[in-house]
Amino acid sequence: MAEENEPQETPQEAPAPDELEQLLALVQALNAENSELKDQRLRALAELENTRRRAEREKQDASQFAVTRFARDMLTVADNFSRALKACPPELREAADPQVKGVIDGVEVTERQLLTTLEQHGVKMIDTADAKFDPNLHQAVAEVPGEGKPAGSIVHVIQTGYTINGRLLRPAMVTVARKEEPAPTDQQA
């Protein structure tokens, strides 16, 4: 009975040479397809990651620069505050009535508050004190005598420039010192 329960071995036939070549060709084709699918999968994952990063960067840029148009419009308000304060020189302020002084003080406080609020949102004034002309930050409206400053230096700021989160919002409009020509001598005349 023990012989009945044991599996019987059946002789297996060796595959024919043509059949073996077909099987090998099939295995090679499947391996090539597998490699191609792995490559496609890796490329798709890389593209997905690049898309995710790009979307994140665009989202960040949108949040940082969403207020650009509004900020640019608010700069006009800041300019008007500055012009109003410059229209009343210090000697006139001292001689003014207390009510007028109160109005001027209110304008000064409002201007400071506006500039502080803009700065909190990434809008900063371009520093032009003792600066050389930089075409990335300044717009030259005229060349003027240097008044002792070297050529290419900013002589006067006509309109203050601003950046928003490191990006130019509005260039500073400036006058630039021109190169001084040597005065003609008696021999040249």
C-alpha atoms as a PDB file:
ATOM      1  CA  MET A   1       0.000   0.000   0.000  1.00  0.00           C
ATOM      2  CA  ALA A   2       2.818   2.305   0.605  1.00  0.00           C
ATOM      3  CA  GLU A   3       3.638   2.035  -2.998  1.00  0.00           C
ATOM      4  CA  GLU A   4       0.222   3.291  -4.018  1.00  0.00           C
ATOM      5  CA  ASN A   5       0.461   6.568  -2.035  1.00  0.00           C
ATOM      6  CA  GLU A   6       3.857   7.567  -3.312  1.00  0.00           C
ATOM      7  CA  PRO A   7       3.882   9.868  -6.304  1.00  0.00           C
ATOM      8  CA  GLN A   8       5.018   8.252  -9.393  1.00  0.00           C
ATOM      9  CA  GLU A   9       7.721   9.927 -11.413  1.00  0.00           C
ATOM     10  CA  THR A  10       6.961  10.511 -15.018  1.00  0.00           C
ATOM     11  CA  PRO A  11       9.794  10.990 -17.380  1.00  0.00           C
ATOM     12  CA  GLN A  12       9.931  14.584 -18.737  1.00  0.00           C
ATOM     13  CA  GLU A  13      10.851  15.153 -22.282  1.00  0.00           C
ATOM     14  CA  ALA A  14      13.526  17.698 -23.083  1.00  0.00           C
ATOM     15  CA  PRO A  15      12.213  20.630 -25.133  1.00  0.00           C
ATOM     16  CA  ALA A  16      13.031  20.676 -28.766  1.00  0.00           C
ATOM     17  CA  PRO A  17      15.798  23.079 -29.864  1.00  0.00           C
ATOM     18  CA  ASP A  18      13.290  25.303 -31.731  1.00  0.00           C
ATOM     19  CA  GLU A  19      11.035  25.406 -28.706  1.00  0.00           C
ATOM     20  CA  LEU A  20      13.994  26.267 -26.465  1.00  0.00           C
ATOM     21  CA  GLU A  21      14.989  29.151 -28.751  1.00  0.00           C
ATOM     22  CA  GLN A  22      11.409  30.459 -28.698  1.00  0.00           C
ATOM     23  CA  LEU A  23      11.334  30.296 -24.897  1.00  0.00           C
ATOM     24  CA  LEU A  24      14.677  32.098 -24.639  1.00  0.00           C
ATOM     25  CA  ALA A  25      13.471  34.770 -27.081  1.00  0.00           C
ATOM     26  CA  LEU A  26      10.271  35.163 -25.033  1.00  0.00           C
ATOM     27  CA  VAL A  27      12.260  35.532 -21.781  1.00  0.00           C
ATOM     28  CA  GLN A  28      14.527  38.135 -23.407  1.00  0.00           C
ATOM     29  CA  ALA A  29      11.517  40.057 -24.749  1.00  0.00           C
ATOM     30  CA  LEU A  30       9.849  39.969 -21.327  1.00  0.00           C
ATOM     31  CA  ASN A  31      13.047  41.158 -19.638  1.00  0.00           C
ATOM     32  CA  ALA A  32      13.360  44.029 -22.142  1.00  0.00           C
ATOM     33  CA  GLU A  33       9.699  44.973 -21.607  1.00  0.00           C
ATOM     34  CA  ASN A  34      10.194  44.781 -17.839  1.00  0.00           C
ATOM     35  CA  SER A  35      13.220  47.099 -18.047  1.00  0.00           C
ATOM     36  CA  GLU A  36      11.305  49.524 -20.254  1.00  0.00           C
ATOM     37  CA  LEU A  37       8.352  49.568 -17.834  1.00  0.00           C
ATOM     38  CA  LYS A  38      10.685  50.165 -14.880  1.00  0.00           C
ATOM     39  CA  ASP A  39      12.291  53.072 -16.753  1.00  0.00           C
ATOM     40  CA  GLN A  40       8.864  54.541 -17.601  1.00  0.00           C
ATOM     41  CA  ARG A  41       7.783  54.200 -13.959  1.00  0.00           C
ATOM     42  CA  LEU A  42      10.917  55.979 -12.699  1.00  0.00           C
ATOM     43  CA  ARG A  43      10.475  58.762 -15.238  1.00  0.00           C
ATOM     44  CA  ALA A  44       6.811  59.171 -14.280  1.00  0.00           C
ATOM     45  CA  LEU A  45       7.733  59.365 -10.593  1.00  0.00           C
ATOM     46  CA  ALA A  46      10.433  61.949 -11.335  1.00  0.00           C
ATOM     47  CA  GLU A  47       7.996  64.010 -13.421  1.00  0.00           C
ATOM     48  CA  LEU A  48       5.421  63.816 -10.626  1.00  0.00           C
ATOM     49  CA  GLU A  49       8.010  65.024  -8.094  1.00  0.00           C
ATOM     50  CA  ASN A  50       9.069  67.878 -10.406  1.00  0.00           C
ATOM     51  CA  THR A  51       5.440  68.904 -10.878  1.00  0.00           C
ATOM     52  CA  ARG A  52       4.885  68.847  -7.113  1.00  0.00           C
ATOM     53  CA  ARG A  53       7.966  71.019  -6.514  1.00  0.00           C
ATOM     54  CA  ARG A  54       6.981  73.455  -9.272  1.00  0.00           C
ATOM     55  CA  ALA A  55       3.457  73.766  -7.855  1.00  0.00           C
ATOM     56  CA  GLU A  56       4.867  74.375  -4.370  1.00  0.00           C
ATOM     57  CA  ARG A  57       7.233  77.055  -5.701  1.00  0.00           C
ATOM     58  CA  GLU A  58       4.406  78.722  -7.664  1.00  0.00           C
ATOM     59  CA  LYS A  59       2.197  78.647  -4.579  1.00  0.00           C
ATOM     60  CA  GLN A  60       4.962  80.257  -2.536  1.00  0.00           C
ATOM     61  CA  ASP A  61       5.590  82.922  -5.206  1.00  0.00           C
ATOM     62  CA  ALA A  62       1.877  83.627  -5.468  1.00  0.00           C
ATOM     63  CA  SER A  63       1.584  84.163  -1.734  1.00  0.00           C
ATOM     64  CA  GLN A  64       4.735  86.317  -1.604  1.00  0.00           C
ATOM     65  CA  PHE A  65       3.896  88.484  -4.590  1.00  0.00           C
ATOM     66  CA  ALA A  66       0.083  88.472  -4.517  1.00  0.00           C
ATOM     67  CA  VAL A  67       0.043  91.957  -3.057  1.00  0.00           C
ATOM     68  CA  THR A  68       2.409  93.418  -5.662  1.00  0.00           C
ATOM     69  CA  ARG A  69      -0.234  95.383  -7.548  1.00  0.00           C
ATOM     70  CA  PHE A  70      -1.838  96.631  -4.338  1.00  0.00           C
ATOM     71  CA  ALA A  71       1.564  97.560  -2.889  1.00  0.00           C
ATOM     72  CA  ARG A  72       2.482  99.470  -6.060  1.00  0.00           C
ATOM     73  CA  ASP A  73      -0.765 101.444  -5.756  1.00  0.00           C
ATOM     74  CA  MET A  74      -0.057 102.160  -2.080  1.00  0.00           C
ATOM     75  CA  LEU A  75       3.328 103.638  -3.008  1.00  0.00           C
ATOM     76  CA  THR A  76       1.465 106.524  -4.630  1.00  0.00           C
ATOM     77  CA  VAL A  77      -0.183 107.209  -1.284  1.00  0.00           C
ATOM     78  CA  ALA A  78       3.213 107.109   0.459  1.00  0.00           C
ATOM     79  CA  ASP A  79       4.602 109.518  -2.162  1.00  0.00           C
ATOM     80  CA  ASN A  80       1.727 111.941  -1.517  1.00  0.00           C
ATOM     81  CA  PHE A  81       2.351 111.863   2.240  1.00  0.00           C
ATOM     82  CA  SER A  82       6.019 112.605   1.608  1.00  0.00           C
ATOM     83  CA  ARG A  83       5.199 115.480  -0.754  1.00  0.00           C
ATOM     84  CA  ALA A  84       2.751 116.948   1.755  1.00  0.00           C
ATOM     85  CA  LEU A  85       5.375 116.918   4.492  1.00  0.00           C
ATOM     86  CA  LYS A  86       8.066 118.420   2.243  1.00  0.00           C
ATOM     87  CA  ALA A  87       5.670 121.242   1.299  1.00  0.00           C
ATOM     88  CA  CYS A  88       5.813 122.540   4.856  1.00  0.00           C
ATOM     89  CA  PRO A  89       9.423 123.352   5.798  1.00  0.00           C
ATOM     90  CA  PRO A  90      10.490 123.065   9.475  1.00  0.00           C
ATOM     91  CA  GLU A  91      10.566 126.842  10.036  1.00  0.00           C
ATOM     92  CA  LEU A  92       6.915 127.131   8.962  1.00  0.00           C
ATOM     93  CA  ARG A  93       5.970 124.191  11.179  1.00  0.00           C
ATOM     94  CA  GLU A  94       7.417 125.925  14.227  1.00  0.00           C
ATOM     95  CA  ALA A  95       5.481 129.117  13.481  1.00  0.00           C
ATOM     96  CA  ALA A  96       2.216 127.296  12.688  1.00  0.00           C
ATOM     97  CA  ASP A  97      -0.896 127.234  14.855  1.00  0.00           C
ATOM     98  CA  PRO A  98      -1.252 124.260  17.232  1.00  0.00           C
ATOM     99  CA  GLN A  99      -4.062 122.837  15.075  1.00  0.00           C
ATOM    100  CA  VAL A 100      -1.899 122.940  11.948  1.00  0.00           C
ATOM    101  CA  LYS A 101       0.967 121.342  13.889  1.00  0.00           C
ATOM    102  CA  GLY A 102      -1.461 118.603  14.945  1.00  0.00           C
ATOM    103  CA  VAL A 103      -2.429 117.946  11.333  1.00  0.00           C
ATOM    104  CA  ILE A 104       1.225 117.797  10.275  1.00  0.00           C
ATOM    105  CA  ASP A 105       2.033 115.436  13.151  1.00  0.00           C
ATOM    106  CA  GLY A 106      -0.918 113.265  12.114  1.00  0.00           C
ATOM    107  CA  VAL A 107       0.335 113.114   8.526  1.00  0.00           C
ATOM    108  CA  GLU A 108       3.830 112.156   9.762  1.00  0.00           C
ATOM    109  CA  VAL A 109       2.450 109.384  11.978  1.00  0.00           C
ATOM    110  CA  THR A 110       0.230 108.082   9.175  1.00  0.00           C
ATOM    111  CA  GLU A 111       3.159 108.056   6.750  1.00  0.00           C
ATOM    112  CA  ARG A 112       5.356 106.130   9.220  1.00  0.00           C
ATOM    113  CA  GLN A 113       2.547 103.673   9.897  1.00  0.00           C
ATOM    114  CA  LEU A 114       1.974 103.105   6.174  1.00  0.00           C
ATOM    115  CA  LEU A 115       5.689 102.503   5.543  1.00  0.00           C
ATOM    116  CA  THR A 116       5.904 100.164   8.557  1.00  0.00           C
ATOM    117  CA  THR A 117       2.901  98.179   7.345  1.00  0.00           C
ATOM    118  CA  LEU A 118       4.355  97.916   3.840  1.00  0.00           C
ATOM    119  CA  GLU A 119       7.656  96.716   5.312  1.00  0.00           C
ATOM    120  CA  GLN A 120       5.850  94.052   7.358  1.00  0.00           C
ATOM    121  CA  HIS A 121       4.530  92.703   4.058  1.00  0.00           C
ATOM    122  CA  GLY A 122       7.948  92.593   2.393  1.00  0.00           C
ATOM    123  CA  VAL A 123       7.949  96.060   0.762  1.00  0.00           C
ATOM    124  CA  LYS A 124      11.203  97.879   1.497  1.00  0.00           C
ATOM    125  CA  MET A 125      12.672 101.193   0.419  1.00  0.00           C
ATOM    126  CA  ILE A 126      15.715 101.072  -1.826  1.00  0.00           C
ATOM    127  CA  ASP A 127      18.602 102.688   0.042  1.00  0.00           C
ATOM    128  CA  THR A 128      20.144 105.364  -2.158  1.00  0.00           C
ATOM    129  CA  ALA A 129      22.260 107.160   0.454  1.00  0.00           C
ATOM    130  CA  ASP A 130      25.788 107.533  -0.955  1.00  0.00           C
ATOM    131  CA  ALA A 131      25.014 104.863  -3.533  1.00  0.00           C
ATOM    132  CA  LYS A 132      26.384 104.326  -7.010  1.00  0.00           C
ATOM    133  CA  PHE A 133      23.885 104.141  -9.844  1.00  0.00           C
ATOM    134  CA  ASP A 134      22.620 100.566 -10.314  1.00  0.00           C
ATOM    135  CA  PRO A 135      20.422 100.057 -13.403  1.00  0.00           C
ATOM    136  CA  ASN A 136      18.778  97.098 -11.656  1.00  0.00           C
ATOM    137  CA  LEU A 137      17.450  99.352  -8.889  1.00  0.00           C
ATOM    138  CA  HIS A 138      17.560 102.908 -10.220  1.00  0.00           C
ATOM    139  CA  GLN A 139      16.208 104.833 -13.168  1.00  0.00           C
ATOM    140  CA  ALA A 140      18.377 107.791 -14.145  1.00  0.00           C
ATOM    141  CA  VAL A 141      16.335 110.760 -15.264  1.00  0.00           C
ATOM    142  CA  ALA A 142      19.253 113.165 -15.747  1.00  0.00           C
ATOM    143  CA  GLU A 143      22.998 113.594 -15.444  1.00  0.00           C
ATOM    144  CA  VAL A 144      23.959 116.599 -13.373  1.00  0.00           C
ATOM    145  CA  PRO A 145      27.182 118.129 -12.055  1.00  0.00           C
ATOM    146  CA  GLY A 146      28.550 115.903  -9.332  1.00  0.00           C
ATOM    147  CA  GLU A 147      28.674 118.484  -6.533  1.00  0.00           C
ATOM    148  CA  GLY A 148      31.831 116.781  -5.293  1.00  0.00           C
ATOM    149  CA  LYS A 149      30.547 113.251  -5.842  1.00  0.00           C
ATOM    150  CA  PRO A 150      32.307 110.824  -8.202  1.00  0.00           C
ATOM    151  CA  ALA A 151      30.834 110.141 -11.640  1.00  0.00           C
ATOM    152  CA  GLY A 152      28.029 107.580 -11.540  1.00  0.00           C
ATOM    153  CA  SER A 153      27.010 108.466  -7.978  1.00  0.00           C
ATOM    154  CA  ILE A 154      23.443 109.345  -7.105  1.00  0.00           C
ATOM    155  CA  VAL A 155      23.118 113.077  -6.527  1.00  0.00           C
ATOM    156  CA  HIS A 156      19.404 113.462  -5.886  1.00  0.00           C
ATOM    157  CA  VAL A 157      16.443 111.100  -5.451  1.00  0.00           C
ATOM    158  CA  ILE A 158      13.382 112.305  -7.309  1.00  0.00           C
ATOM    159  CA  GLN A 159      11.152 109.355  -6.405  1.00  0.00           C
ATOM    160  CA  THR A 160      11.930 106.649  -3.856  1.00  0.00           C
ATOM    161  CA  GLY A 161      12.220 103.104  -5.169  1.00  0.00           C
ATOM    162  CA  TYR A 162      10.953  99.945  -3.479  1.00  0.00           C
ATOM    163  CA  THR A 163      11.435  96.178  -3.562  1.00  0.00           C
ATOM    164  CA  ILE A 164       8.995  93.484  -2.518  1.00  0.00           C
ATOM    165  CA  ASN A 165      10.541  90.357  -1.036  1.00  0.00           C
ATOM    166  CA  GLY A 166      13.801  91.124  -2.829  1.00  0.00           C
ATOM    167  CA  ARG A 167      12.164  91.727  -6.230  1.00  0.00           C
ATOM    168  CA  LEU A 168      12.048  95.219  -7.745  1.00  0.00           C
ATOM    169  CA  LEU A 169       8.635  96.808  -7.238  1.00  0.00           C
ATOM    170  CA  ARG A 170       9.469 100.294  -8.486  1.00  0.00           C
ATOM    171  CA  PRO A 171      12.896 101.685  -9.430  1.00  0.00           C
ATOM    172  CA  ALA A 172      14.183 104.779  -7.672  1.00  0.00           C
ATOM    173  CA  MET A 173      14.147 107.761 -10.027  1.00  0.00           C
ATOM    174  CA  VAL A 174      17.460 109.554  -9.533  1.00  0.00           C
ATOM    175  CA  THR A 175      19.818 112.104 -10.960  1.00  0.00           C
ATOM    176  CA  VAL A 176      23.363 110.869 -11.486  1.00  0.00           C
ATOM    177  CA  ALA A 177      26.680 112.720 -11.275  1.00  0.00           C
ATOM    178  CA  ARG A 178      28.250 113.068 -14.675  1.00  0.00           C
ATOM    179  CA  LYS A 179      31.935 112.839 -15.385  1.00  0.00           C
ATOM    180  CA  GLU A 180      33.480 116.240 -14.864  1.00  0.00           C
ATOM    181  CA  GLU A 181      35.231 117.593 -17.934  1.00  0.00           C
ATOM    182  CA  PRO A 182      38.505 119.330 -17.142  1.00  0.00           C
ATOM    183  CA  ALA A 183      38.213 123.092 -17.347  1.00  0.00           C
ATOM    184  CA  PRO A 184      39.765 124.516 -20.514  1.00  0.00           C
ATOM    185  CA  THR A 185      43.142 126.133 -19.980  1.00  0.00           C
ATOM    186  CA  ASP A 186      44.366 129.337 -21.607  1.00  0.00           C
ATOM    187  CA  GLN A 187      46.436 127.322 -24.065  1.00  0.00           C
ATOM    188  CA  GLN A 188      43.385 125.399 -25.318  1.00  0.00           C
ATOM    189  CA  ALA A 189      41.352 128.556 -25.942  1.00  0.00           C
END
